[in-house]
Amino acid sequence: MSVNDFFTSTITVQRAVNVPDGLGGYTTGWTAHLVTPGLVRPLRGSEKLVGGKLAARSTHRMYCPVIDITADDRVVFDGATYGVTFVDNPMNMDMFLQVGLERIT
């Protein structure tokens, strides 16, 4: 059994883009960057993770295939939005990613 067999949910990764504000400037908007299969699970309330950002706090962890995702992206899953706190490729084996998430809404 492969770890990919557990990626049964559909997850949308959003990336920030500059959108003209009509006054000559720009505002930040979000656009769907990619859709991937994966798994999102909650962490224990007291668990803190340190990853791509110093002392980044994660409330959930996402498991997915190796995709183009960074700590500047956000994830939409099951009606909730999560900010990405870190991205880890365990042992650099390119089998799957562990992505730390912090619930926004």
PDB file of N, CA and C in Angstrom:
ATOM      1  N   MET A   1       0.846  -1.180   0.000  1.00  0.00           N
ATOM      2  CA  MET A   1       0.000   0.000   0.000  1.00  0.00           C
ATOM      3  C   MET A   1       0.892   1.243   0.000  1.00  0.00           C
ATOM      4  N   SER A   2       0.597   2.169  -0.869  1.00  0.00           N
ATOM      5  CA  SER A   2       1.355   3.404  -1.002  1.00  0.00           C
ATOM      6  C   SER A   2       0.706   4.508  -0.175  1.00  0.00           C
ATOM      7  N   VAL A   3       1.500   5.499   0.222  1.00  0.00           N
ATOM      8  CA  VAL A   3       0.964   6.634   0.964  1.00  0.00           C
ATOM      9  C   VAL A   3      -0.054   7.383   0.100  1.00  0.00           C
ATOM     10  N   ASN A   4       0.102   7.347  -1.212  1.00  0.00           N
ATOM     11  CA  ASN A   4      -0.841   8.027  -2.104  1.00  0.00           C
ATOM     12  C   ASN A   4      -2.247   7.435  -2.035  1.00  0.00           C
ATOM     13  N   ASP A   5      -2.387   6.216  -1.554  1.00  0.00           N
ATOM     14  CA  ASP A   5      -3.705   5.595  -1.410  1.00  0.00           C
ATOM     15  C   ASP A   5      -4.570   6.316  -0.369  1.00  0.00           C
ATOM     16  N   PHE A   6      -3.930   7.083   0.524  1.00  0.00           N
ATOM     17  CA  PHE A   6      -4.656   7.797   1.568  1.00  0.00           C
ATOM     18  C   PHE A   6      -5.098   9.189   1.126  1.00  0.00           C
ATOM     19  N   PHE A   7      -4.664   9.641  -0.056  1.00  0.00           N
ATOM     20  CA  PHE A   7      -5.021  10.969  -0.549  1.00  0.00           C
ATOM     21  C   PHE A   7      -6.392  10.896  -1.215  1.00  0.00           C
ATOM     22  N   THR A   8      -7.443  10.908  -0.402  1.00  0.00           N
ATOM     23  CA  THR A   8      -8.798  10.688  -0.901  1.00  0.00           C
ATOM     24  C   THR A   8      -9.621  11.968  -1.013  1.00  0.00           C
ATOM     25  N   SER A   9      -9.124  13.080  -0.508  1.00  0.00           N
ATOM     26  CA  SER A   9      -9.861  14.344  -0.561  1.00  0.00           C
ATOM     27  C   SER A   9      -9.306  15.237  -1.669  1.00  0.00           C
ATOM     28  N   THR A  10     -10.117  16.181  -2.105  1.00  0.00           N
ATOM     29  CA  THR A  10      -9.682  17.166  -3.094  1.00  0.00           C
ATOM     30  C   THR A  10      -9.390  18.475  -2.380  1.00  0.00           C
ATOM     31  N   ILE A  11      -8.200  19.009  -2.585  1.00  0.00           N
ATOM     32  CA  ILE A  11      -7.725  20.200  -1.882  1.00  0.00           C
ATOM     33  C   ILE A  11      -7.335  21.248  -2.915  1.00  0.00           C
ATOM     34  N   THR A  12      -7.747  22.501  -2.702  1.00  0.00           N
ATOM     35  CA  THR A  12      -7.387  23.602  -3.586  1.00  0.00           C
ATOM     36  C   THR A  12      -6.289  24.429  -2.945  1.00  0.00           C
ATOM     37  N   VAL A  13      -5.218  24.667  -3.698  1.00  0.00           N
ATOM     38  CA  VAL A  13      -4.125  25.534  -3.256  1.00  0.00           C
ATOM     39  C   VAL A  13      -4.310  26.872  -3.956  1.00  0.00           C
ATOM     40  N   GLN A  14      -4.332  27.953  -3.177  1.00  0.00           N
ATOM     41  CA  GLN A  14      -4.493  29.299  -3.732  1.00  0.00           C
ATOM     42  C   GLN A  14      -3.186  30.066  -3.608  1.00  0.00           C
ATOM     43  N   ARG A  15      -2.935  30.945  -4.583  1.00  0.00           N
ATOM     44  CA  ARG A  15      -1.720  31.758  -4.588  1.00  0.00           C
ATOM     45  C   ARG A  15      -2.116  33.223  -4.680  1.00  0.00           C
ATOM     46  N   ALA A  16      -1.389  34.085  -3.970  1.00  0.00           N
ATOM     47  CA  ALA A  16      -1.664  35.521  -3.990  1.00  0.00           C
ATOM     48  C   ALA A  16      -1.273  36.116  -5.344  1.00  0.00           C
ATOM     49  N   VAL A  17      -2.123  37.017  -5.843  1.00  0.00           N
ATOM     50  CA  VAL A  17      -1.859  37.730  -7.094  1.00  0.00           C
ATOM     51  C   VAL A  17      -2.178  39.208  -6.884  1.00  0.00           C
ATOM     52  N   ASN A  18      -1.505  40.061  -7.637  1.00  0.00           N
ATOM     53  CA  ASN A  18      -1.809  41.490  -7.598  1.00  0.00           C
ATOM     54  C   ASN A  18      -2.954  41.777  -8.551  1.00  0.00           C
ATOM     55  N   VAL A  19      -3.991  42.451  -8.044  1.00  0.00           N
ATOM     56  CA  VAL A  19      -5.175  42.781  -8.820  1.00  0.00           C
ATOM     57  C   VAL A  19      -5.277  44.299  -8.880  1.00  0.00           C
ATOM     58  N   PRO A  20      -5.424  44.877 -10.081  1.00  0.00           N
ATOM     59  CA  PRO A  20      -5.568  46.338 -10.171  1.00  0.00           C
ATOM     60  C   PRO A  20      -6.765  46.815  -9.351  1.00  0.00           C
ATOM     61  N   ASP A  21      -6.565  47.909  -8.604  1.00  0.00           N
ATOM     62  CA  ASP A  21      -7.651  48.423  -7.761  1.00  0.00           C
ATOM     63  C   ASP A  21      -8.482  49.501  -8.436  1.00  0.00           C
ATOM     64  N   GLY A  22      -8.179  49.823  -9.710  1.00  0.00           N
ATOM     65  CA  GLY A  22      -8.952  50.819 -10.447  1.00  0.00           C
ATOM     66  C   GLY A  22      -8.458  52.237 -10.235  1.00  0.00           C
ATOM     67  N   LEU A  23      -7.519  52.422  -9.320  1.00  0.00           N
ATOM     68  CA  LEU A  23      -6.989  53.749  -9.026  1.00  0.00           C
ATOM     69  C   LEU A  23      -5.503  53.851  -9.368  1.00  0.00           C
ATOM     70  N   GLY A  24      -5.017  52.908 -10.163  1.00  0.00           N
ATOM     71  CA  GLY A  24      -3.603  52.917 -10.547  1.00  0.00           C
ATOM     72  C   GLY A  24      -2.726  52.085  -9.637  1.00  0.00           C
ATOM     73  N   GLY A  25      -3.286  51.547  -8.590  1.00  0.00           N
ATOM     74  CA  GLY A  25      -2.524  50.711  -7.665  1.00  0.00           C
ATOM     75  C   GLY A  25      -2.964  49.263  -7.759  1.00  0.00           C
ATOM     76  N   TYR A  26      -2.512  48.496  -6.814  1.00  0.00           N
ATOM     77  CA  TYR A  26      -2.843  47.076  -6.789  1.00  0.00           C
ATOM     78  C   TYR A  26      -3.268  46.663  -5.389  1.00  0.00           C
ATOM     79  N   THR A  27      -4.085  45.645  -5.341  1.00  0.00           N
ATOM     80  CA  THR A  27      -4.462  45.011  -4.085  1.00  0.00           C
ATOM     81  C   THR A  27      -4.196  43.516  -4.227  1.00  0.00           C
ATOM     82  N   THR A  28      -4.034  42.826  -3.127  1.00  0.00           N
ATOM     83  CA  THR A  28      -3.756  41.398  -3.182  1.00  0.00           C
ATOM     84  C   THR A  28      -5.060  40.615  -3.242  1.00  0.00           C
ATOM     85  N   GLY A  29      -5.130  39.709  -4.195  1.00  0.00           N
ATOM     86  CA  GLY A  29      -6.268  38.805  -4.318  1.00  0.00           C
ATOM     87  C   GLY A  29      -5.750  37.381  -4.337  1.00  0.00           C
ATOM     88  N   TRP A  30      -6.642  36.430  -4.275  1.00  0.00           N
ATOM     89  CA  TRP A  30      -6.263  35.017  -4.279  1.00  0.00           C
ATOM     90  C   TRP A  30      -6.877  34.323  -5.472  1.00  0.00           C
ATOM     91  N   THR A  31      -6.098  33.482  -6.127  1.00  0.00           N
ATOM     92  CA  THR A  31      -6.580  32.718  -7.265  1.00  0.00           C
ATOM     93  C   THR A  31      -6.224  31.251  -7.074  1.00  0.00           C
ATOM     94  N   ALA A  32      -7.044  30.375  -7.624  1.00  0.00           N
ATOM     95  CA  ALA A  32      -6.759  28.940  -7.519  1.00  0.00           C
ATOM     96  C   ALA A  32      -5.483  28.648  -8.307  1.00  0.00           C
ATOM     97  N   HIS A  33      -4.482  28.138  -7.625  1.00  0.00           N
ATOM     98  CA  HIS A  33      -3.193  27.811  -8.244  1.00  0.00           C
ATOM     99  C   HIS A  33      -3.218  26.386  -8.784  1.00  0.00           C
ATOM    100  N   LEU A  34      -3.735  25.466  -7.965  1.00  0.00           N
ATOM    101  CA  LEU A  34      -3.854  24.075  -8.396  1.00  0.00           C
ATOM    102  C   LEU A  34      -4.801  23.326  -7.485  1.00  0.00           C
ATOM    103  N   VAL A  35      -5.282  22.202  -7.987  1.00  0.00           N
ATOM    104  CA  VAL A  35      -6.141  21.303  -7.215  1.00  0.00           C
ATOM    105  C   VAL A  35      -5.414  19.975  -7.122  1.00  0.00           C
ATOM    106  N   THR A  36      -5.350  19.414  -5.924  1.00  0.00           N
ATOM    107  CA  THR A  36      -4.578  18.199  -5.702  1.00  0.00           C
ATOM    108  C   THR A  36      -5.337  17.234  -4.797  1.00  0.00           C
ATOM    109  N   PRO A  37      -5.094  15.948  -4.941  1.00  0.00           N
ATOM    110  CA  PRO A  37      -5.617  15.010  -3.948  1.00  0.00           C
ATOM    111  C   PRO A  37      -4.763  15.115  -2.688  1.00  0.00           C
ATOM    112  N   GLY A  38      -5.332  14.816  -1.558  1.00  0.00           N
ATOM    113  CA  GLY A  38      -4.561  14.881  -0.324  1.00  0.00           C
ATOM    114  C   GLY A  38      -5.374  14.492   0.886  1.00  0.00           C
ATOM    115  N   LEU A  39      -4.808  14.772   2.042  1.00  0.00           N
ATOM    116  CA  LEU A  39      -5.430  14.459   3.316  1.00  0.00           C
ATOM    117  C   LEU A  39      -5.098  15.590   4.278  1.00  0.00           C
ATOM    118  N   VAL A  40      -6.104  16.112   4.981  1.00  0.00           N
ATOM    119  CA  VAL A  40      -5.898  17.151   5.996  1.00  0.00           C
ATOM    120  C   VAL A  40      -6.381  16.587   7.316  1.00  0.00           C
ATOM    121  N   ARG A  41      -5.536  16.701   8.339  1.00  0.00           N
ATOM    122  CA  ARG A  41      -5.941  16.215   9.664  1.00  0.00           C
ATOM    123  C   ARG A  41      -5.588  17.258  10.711  1.00  0.00           C
ATOM    124  N   PRO A  42      -6.396  17.368  11.770  1.00  0.00           N
ATOM    125  CA  PRO A  42      -6.085  18.319  12.839  1.00  0.00           C
ATOM    126  C   PRO A  42      -4.960  17.795  13.713  1.00  0.00           C
ATOM    127  N   LEU A  43      -4.198  18.728  14.271  1.00  0.00           N
ATOM    128  CA  LEU A  43      -3.173  18.384  15.251  1.00  0.00           C
ATOM    129  C   LEU A  43      -3.749  18.601  16.645  1.00  0.00           C
ATOM    130  N   ARG A  44      -3.111  18.050  17.645  1.00  0.00           N
ATOM    131  CA  ARG A  44      -3.549  18.308  19.016  1.00  0.00           C
ATOM    132  C   ARG A  44      -3.430  19.799  19.292  1.00  0.00           C
ATOM    133  N   GLY A  45      -4.319  20.315  20.095  1.00  0.00           N
ATOM    134  CA  GLY A  45      -4.339  21.740  20.380  1.00  0.00           C
ATOM    135  C   GLY A  45      -3.058  22.276  20.968  1.00  0.00           C
ATOM    136  N   SER A  46      -2.311  21.468  21.688  1.00  0.00           N
ATOM    137  CA  SER A  46      -1.098  21.958  22.339  1.00  0.00           C
ATOM    138  C   SER A  46       0.149  21.771  21.487  1.00  0.00           C
ATOM    139  N   GLU A  47       0.010  21.131  20.334  1.00  0.00           N
ATOM    140  CA  GLU A  47       1.180  20.821  19.519  1.00  0.00           C
ATOM    141  C   GLU A  47       1.617  22.045  18.727  1.00  0.00           C
ATOM    142  N   LYS A  48       2.912  22.406  18.843  1.00  0.00           N
ATOM    143  CA  LYS A  48       3.480  23.495  18.060  1.00  0.00           C
ATOM    144  C   LYS A  48       4.565  22.920  17.175  1.00  0.00           C
ATOM    145  N   LEU A  49       4.622  23.388  15.940  1.00  0.00           N
ATOM    146  CA  LEU A  49       5.618  22.907  15.001  1.00  0.00           C
ATOM    147  C   LEU A  49       6.512  24.053  14.580  1.00  0.00           C
ATOM    148  N   VAL A  50       7.777  23.764  14.344  1.00  0.00           N
ATOM    149  CA  VAL A  50       8.702  24.760  13.840  1.00  0.00           C
ATOM    150  C   VAL A  50       9.159  24.276  12.482  1.00  0.00           C
ATOM    151  N   GLY A  51       8.961  25.101  11.463  1.00  0.00           N
ATOM    152  CA  GLY A  51       9.302  24.678  10.111  1.00  0.00           C
ATOM    153  C   GLY A  51       9.902  25.817   9.338  1.00  0.00           C
ATOM    154  N   GLY A  52       9.360  26.047   8.146  1.00  0.00           N
ATOM    155  CA  GLY A  52       9.879  27.059   7.243  1.00  0.00           C
ATOM    156  C   GLY A  52       9.906  28.452   7.846  1.00  0.00           C
ATOM    157  N   LYS A  53       9.081  28.705   8.835  1.00  0.00           N
ATOM    158  CA  LYS A  53       9.078  29.991   9.524  1.00  0.00           C
ATOM    159  C   LYS A  53       9.456  29.753  10.980  1.00  0.00           C
ATOM    160  N   LEU A  54      10.120  30.692  11.568  1.00  0.00           N
ATOM    161  CA  LEU A  54      10.533  30.576  12.963  1.00  0.00           C
ATOM    162  C   LEU A  54       9.309  30.497  13.859  1.00  0.00           C
ATOM    163  N   ALA A  55       9.178  29.416  14.603  1.00  0.00           N
ATOM    164  CA  ALA A  55       8.096  29.196  15.561  1.00  0.00           C
ATOM    165  C   ALA A  55       6.710  29.320  14.922  1.00  0.00           C
ATOM    166  N   ALA A  56       6.576  28.842  13.703  1.00  0.00           N
ATOM    167  CA  ALA A  56       5.264  28.862  13.052  1.00  0.00           C
ATOM    168  C   ALA A  56       4.324  27.915  13.784  1.00  0.00           C
ATOM    169  N   ARG A  57       3.100  28.368  14.054  1.00  0.00           N
ATOM    170  CA  ARG A  57       2.123  27.549  14.760  1.00  0.00           C
ATOM    171  C   ARG A  57       1.211  26.892  13.746  1.00  0.00           C
ATOM    172  N   SER A  58       1.030  25.604  13.859  1.00  0.00           N
ATOM    173  CA  SER A  58       0.163  24.872  12.937  1.00  0.00           C
ATOM    174  C   SER A  58      -0.995  24.263  13.703  1.00  0.00           C
ATOM    175  N   THR A  59      -2.185  24.308  13.103  1.00  0.00           N
ATOM    176  CA  THR A  59      -3.365  23.695  13.702  1.00  0.00           C
ATOM    177  C   THR A  59      -3.747  22.411  12.982  1.00  0.00           C
ATOM    178  N   HIS A  60      -3.275  22.267  11.723  1.00  0.00           N
ATOM    179  CA  HIS A  60      -3.586  21.104  10.905  1.00  0.00           C
ATOM    180  C   HIS A  60      -2.352  20.715  10.095  1.00  0.00           C
ATOM    181  N   ARG A  61      -2.359  19.509   9.605  1.00  0.00           N
ATOM    182  CA  ARG A  61      -1.289  19.063   8.715  1.00  0.00           C
ATOM    183  C   ARG A  61      -1.930  18.459   7.479  1.00  0.00           C
ATOM    184  N   MET A  62      -1.373  18.819   6.327  1.00  0.00           N
ATOM    185  CA  MET A  62      -1.844  18.295   5.050  1.00  0.00           C
ATOM    186  C   MET A  62      -0.772  17.372   4.483  1.00  0.00           C
ATOM    187  N   TYR A  63      -1.222  16.255   3.928  1.00  0.00           N
ATOM    188  CA  TYR A  63      -0.348  15.320   3.232  1.00  0.00           C
ATOM    189  C   TYR A  63      -0.810  15.302   1.775  1.00  0.00           C
ATOM    190  N   CYS A  64       0.135  15.405   0.844  1.00  0.00           N
ATOM    191  CA  CYS A  64      -0.224  15.439  -0.571  1.00  0.00           C
ATOM    192  C   CYS A  64       0.965  14.996  -1.414  1.00  0.00           C
ATOM    193  N   PRO A  65       0.726  14.739  -2.712  1.00  0.00           N
ATOM    194  CA  PRO A  65       1.856  14.439  -3.586  1.00  0.00           C
ATOM    195  C   PRO A  65       2.793  15.648  -3.650  1.00  0.00           C
ATOM    196  N   VAL A  66       3.968  15.475  -4.196  1.00  0.00           N
ATOM    197  CA  VAL A  66       4.907  16.582  -4.356  1.00  0.00           C
ATOM    198  C   VAL A  66       4.336  17.535  -5.408  1.00  0.00           C
ATOM    199  N   ILE A  67       4.031  18.774  -4.973  1.00  0.00           N
ATOM    200  CA  ILE A  67       3.407  19.784  -5.833  1.00  0.00           C
ATOM    201  C   ILE A  67       4.115  21.113  -5.623  1.00  0.00           C
ATOM    202  N   ASP A  68       3.730  22.105  -6.412  1.00  0.00           N
ATOM    203  CA  ASP A  68       4.262  23.459  -6.288  1.00  0.00           C
ATOM    204  C   ASP A  68       3.453  24.208  -5.232  1.00  0.00           C
ATOM    205  N   ILE A  69       3.934  24.192  -3.987  1.00  0.00           N
ATOM    206  CA  ILE A  69       3.274  24.886  -2.882  1.00  0.00           C
ATOM    207  C   ILE A  69       4.351  25.532  -2.024  1.00  0.00           C
ATOM    208  N   THR A  70       4.098  26.749  -1.558  1.00  0.00           N
ATOM    209  CA  THR A  70       5.063  27.483  -0.737  1.00  0.00           C
ATOM    210  C   THR A  70       4.378  28.001   0.522  1.00  0.00           C
ATOM    211  N   ALA A  71       5.171  28.538   1.433  1.00  0.00           N
ATOM    212  CA  ALA A  71       4.640  29.087   2.681  1.00  0.00           C
ATOM    213  C   ALA A  71       3.839  30.368   2.453  1.00  0.00           C
ATOM    214  N   ASP A  72       3.874  30.927   1.245  1.00  0.00           N
ATOM    215  CA  ASP A  72       3.086  32.119   0.930  1.00  0.00           C
ATOM    216  C   ASP A  72       1.698  31.781   0.393  1.00  0.00           C
ATOM    217  N   ASP A  73       1.424  30.501   0.171  1.00  0.00           N
ATOM    218  CA  ASP A  73       0.138  30.069  -0.366  1.00  0.00           C
ATOM    219  C   ASP A  73      -0.869  29.845   0.760  1.00  0.00           C
ATOM    220  N   ARG A  74      -2.088  29.542   0.364  1.00  0.00           N
ATOM    221  CA  ARG A  74      -3.096  29.114   1.334  1.00  0.00           C
ATOM    222  C   ARG A  74      -3.876  27.962   0.726  1.00  0.00           C
ATOM    223  N   VAL A  75      -4.582  27.229   1.594  1.00  0.00           N
ATOM    224  CA  VAL A  75      -5.278  26.002   1.204  1.00  0.00           C
ATOM    225  C   VAL A  75      -6.753  26.137   1.558  1.00  0.00           C
ATOM    226  N   VAL A  76      -7.617  25.685   0.646  1.00  0.00           N
ATOM    227  CA  VAL A  76      -9.052  25.638   0.904  1.00  0.00           C
ATOM    228  C   VAL A  76      -9.464  24.172   0.887  1.00  0.00           C
ATOM    229  N   PHE A  77     -10.066  23.749   1.997  1.00  0.00           N
ATOM    230  CA  PHE A  77     -10.478  22.356   2.135  1.00  0.00           C
ATOM    231  C   PHE A  77     -11.716  22.274   3.003  1.00  0.00           C
ATOM    232  N   ASP A  78     -12.729  21.596   2.533  1.00  0.00           N
ATOM    233  CA  ASP A  78     -13.940  21.319   3.301  1.00  0.00           C
ATOM    234  C   ASP A  78     -14.561  22.595   3.878  1.00  0.00           C
ATOM    235  N   GLY A  79     -14.585  23.673   3.078  1.00  0.00           N
ATOM    236  CA  GLY A  79     -15.219  24.920   3.496  1.00  0.00           C
ATOM    237  C   GLY A  79     -14.378  25.802   4.393  1.00  0.00           C
ATOM    238  N   ALA A  80     -13.163  25.404   4.721  1.00  0.00           N
ATOM    239  CA  ALA A  80     -12.287  26.194   5.587  1.00  0.00           C
ATOM    240  C   ALA A  80     -11.055  26.646   4.796  1.00  0.00           C
ATOM    241  N   THR A  81     -10.469  27.762   5.233  1.00  0.00           N
ATOM    242  CA  THR A  81      -9.267  28.294   4.609  1.00  0.00           C
ATOM    243  C   THR A  81      -8.122  28.223   5.617  1.00  0.00           C
ATOM    244  N   TYR A  82      -6.958  27.792   5.142  1.00  0.00           N
ATOM    245  CA  TYR A  82      -5.781  27.607   5.981  1.00  0.00           C
ATOM    246  C   TYR A  82      -4.586  28.318   5.365  1.00  0.00           C
ATOM    247  N   GLY A  83      -3.802  28.983   6.180  1.00  0.00           N
ATOM    248  CA  GLY A  83      -2.533  29.530   5.729  1.00  0.00           C
ATOM    249  C   GLY A  83      -1.466  28.457   5.836  1.00  0.00           C
ATOM    250  N   VAL A  84      -0.547  28.429   4.889  1.00  0.00           N
ATOM    251  CA  VAL A  84       0.544  27.453   4.906  1.00  0.00           C
ATOM    252  C   VAL A  84       1.650  27.992   5.813  1.00  0.00           C
ATOM    253  N   THR A  85       2.059  27.205   6.822  1.00  0.00           N
ATOM    254  CA  THR A  85       3.118  27.635   7.731  1.00  0.00           C
ATOM    255  C   THR A  85       4.465  27.027   7.386  1.00  0.00           C
ATOM    256  N   PHE A  86       4.475  25.838   6.815  1.00  0.00           N
ATOM    257  CA  PHE A  86       5.726  25.237   6.347  1.00  0.00           C
ATOM    258  C   PHE A  86       5.420  24.107   5.381  1.00  0.00           C
ATOM    259  N   VAL A  87       6.420  23.785   4.569  1.00  0.00           N
ATOM    260  CA  VAL A  87       6.310  22.671   3.617  1.00  0.00           C
ATOM    261  C   VAL A  87       7.525  21.780   3.825  1.00  0.00           C
ATOM    262  N   ASP A  88       7.282  20.477   4.024  1.00  0.00           N
ATOM    263  CA  ASP A  88       8.366  19.532   4.277  1.00  0.00           C
ATOM    264  C   ASP A  88       8.269  18.359   3.310  1.00  0.00           C
ATOM    265  N   ASN A  89       9.393  18.016   2.706  1.00  0.00           N
ATOM    266  CA  ASN A  89       9.515  16.837   1.848  1.00  0.00           C
ATOM    267  C   ASN A  89      10.300  15.819   2.677  1.00  0.00           C
ATOM    268  N   PRO A  90       9.610  14.895   3.388  1.00  0.00           N
ATOM    269  CA  PRO A  90      10.295  14.003   4.321  1.00  0.00           C
ATOM    270  C   PRO A  90      11.479  13.263   3.679  1.00  0.00           C
ATOM    271  N   MET A  91      12.626  13.408   4.292  1.00  0.00           N
ATOM    272  CA  MET A  91      13.875  12.769   3.878  1.00  0.00           C
ATOM    273  C   MET A  91      14.234  13.080   2.424  1.00  0.00           C
ATOM    274  N   ASN A  92      13.641  14.141   1.850  1.00  0.00           N
ATOM    275  CA  ASN A  92      13.900  14.546   0.462  1.00  0.00           C
ATOM    276  C   ASN A  92      13.754  13.394  -0.518  1.00  0.00           C
ATOM    277  N   MET A  93      12.755  12.548  -0.275  1.00  0.00           N
ATOM    278  CA  MET A  93      12.549  11.378  -1.122  1.00  0.00           C
ATOM    279  C   MET A  93      11.545  11.639  -2.249  1.00  0.00           C
ATOM    280  N   ASP A  94      10.912  12.802  -2.272  1.00  0.00           N
ATOM    281  CA  ASP A  94       9.938  13.163  -3.303  1.00  0.00           C
ATOM    282  C   ASP A  94       8.806  12.154  -3.440  1.00  0.00           C
ATOM    283  N   MET A  95       8.381  11.584  -2.299  1.00  0.00           N
ATOM    284  CA  MET A  95       7.256  10.657  -2.307  1.00  0.00           C
ATOM    285  C   MET A  95       5.951  11.378  -1.965  1.00  0.00           C
ATOM    286  N   PHE A  96       6.014  12.322  -1.000  1.00  0.00           N
ATOM    287  CA  PHE A  96       4.859  13.112  -0.607  1.00  0.00           C
ATOM    288  C   PHE A  96       5.353  14.306   0.190  1.00  0.00           C
ATOM    289  N   LEU A  97       4.461  15.277   0.407  1.00  0.00           N
ATOM    290  CA  LEU A  97       4.777  16.452   1.217  1.00  0.00           C
ATOM    291  C   LEU A  97       3.958  16.437   2.497  1.00  0.00           C
ATOM    292  N   GLN A  98       4.551  16.971   3.569  1.00  0.00           N
ATOM    293  CA  GLN A  98       3.832  17.272   4.798  1.00  0.00           C
ATOM    294  C   GLN A  98       3.784  18.787   4.879  1.00  0.00           C
ATOM    295  N   VAL A  99       2.577  19.345   4.928  1.00  0.00           N
ATOM    296  CA  VAL A  99       2.397  20.787   4.897  1.00  0.00           C
ATOM    297  C   VAL A  99       1.711  21.224   6.181  1.00  0.00           C
ATOM    298  N   GLY A 100       2.367  22.091   6.941  1.00  0.00           N
ATOM    299  CA  GLY A 100       1.767  22.654   8.146  1.00  0.00           C
ATOM    300  C   GLY A 100       0.772  23.727   7.774  1.00  0.00           C
ATOM    301  N   LEU A 101      -0.399  23.703   8.397  1.00  0.00           N
ATOM    302  CA  LEU A 101      -1.468  24.654   8.106  1.00  0.00           C
ATOM    303  C   LEU A 101      -1.951  25.314   9.384  1.00  0.00           C
ATOM    304  N   GLU A 102      -2.361  26.578   9.270  1.00  0.00           N
ATOM    305  CA  GLU A 102      -3.002  27.271  10.380  1.00  0.00           C
ATOM    306  C   GLU A 102      -4.362  27.764   9.890  1.00  0.00           C
ATOM    307  N   ARG A 103      -5.409  27.359  10.592  1.00  0.00           N
ATOM    308  CA  ARG A 103      -6.767  27.705  10.152  1.00  0.00           C
ATOM    309  C   ARG A 103      -6.993  29.213  10.240  1.00  0.00           C
ATOM    310  N   ILE A 104      -7.506  29.767   9.139  1.00  0.00           N
ATOM    311  CA  ILE A 104      -7.813  31.199   9.064  1.00  0.00           C
ATOM    312  C   ILE A 104      -9.303  31.420   9.258  1.00  0.00           C
ATOM    313  N   THR A 105     -10.130  30.657   8.506  1.00  0.00           N
ATOM    314  CA  THR A 105     -11.587  30.789   8.630  1.00  0.00           C
ATOM    315  C   THR A 105     -12.225  29.424   8.635  1.00  0.00           C
TER     316      THR A 105
END
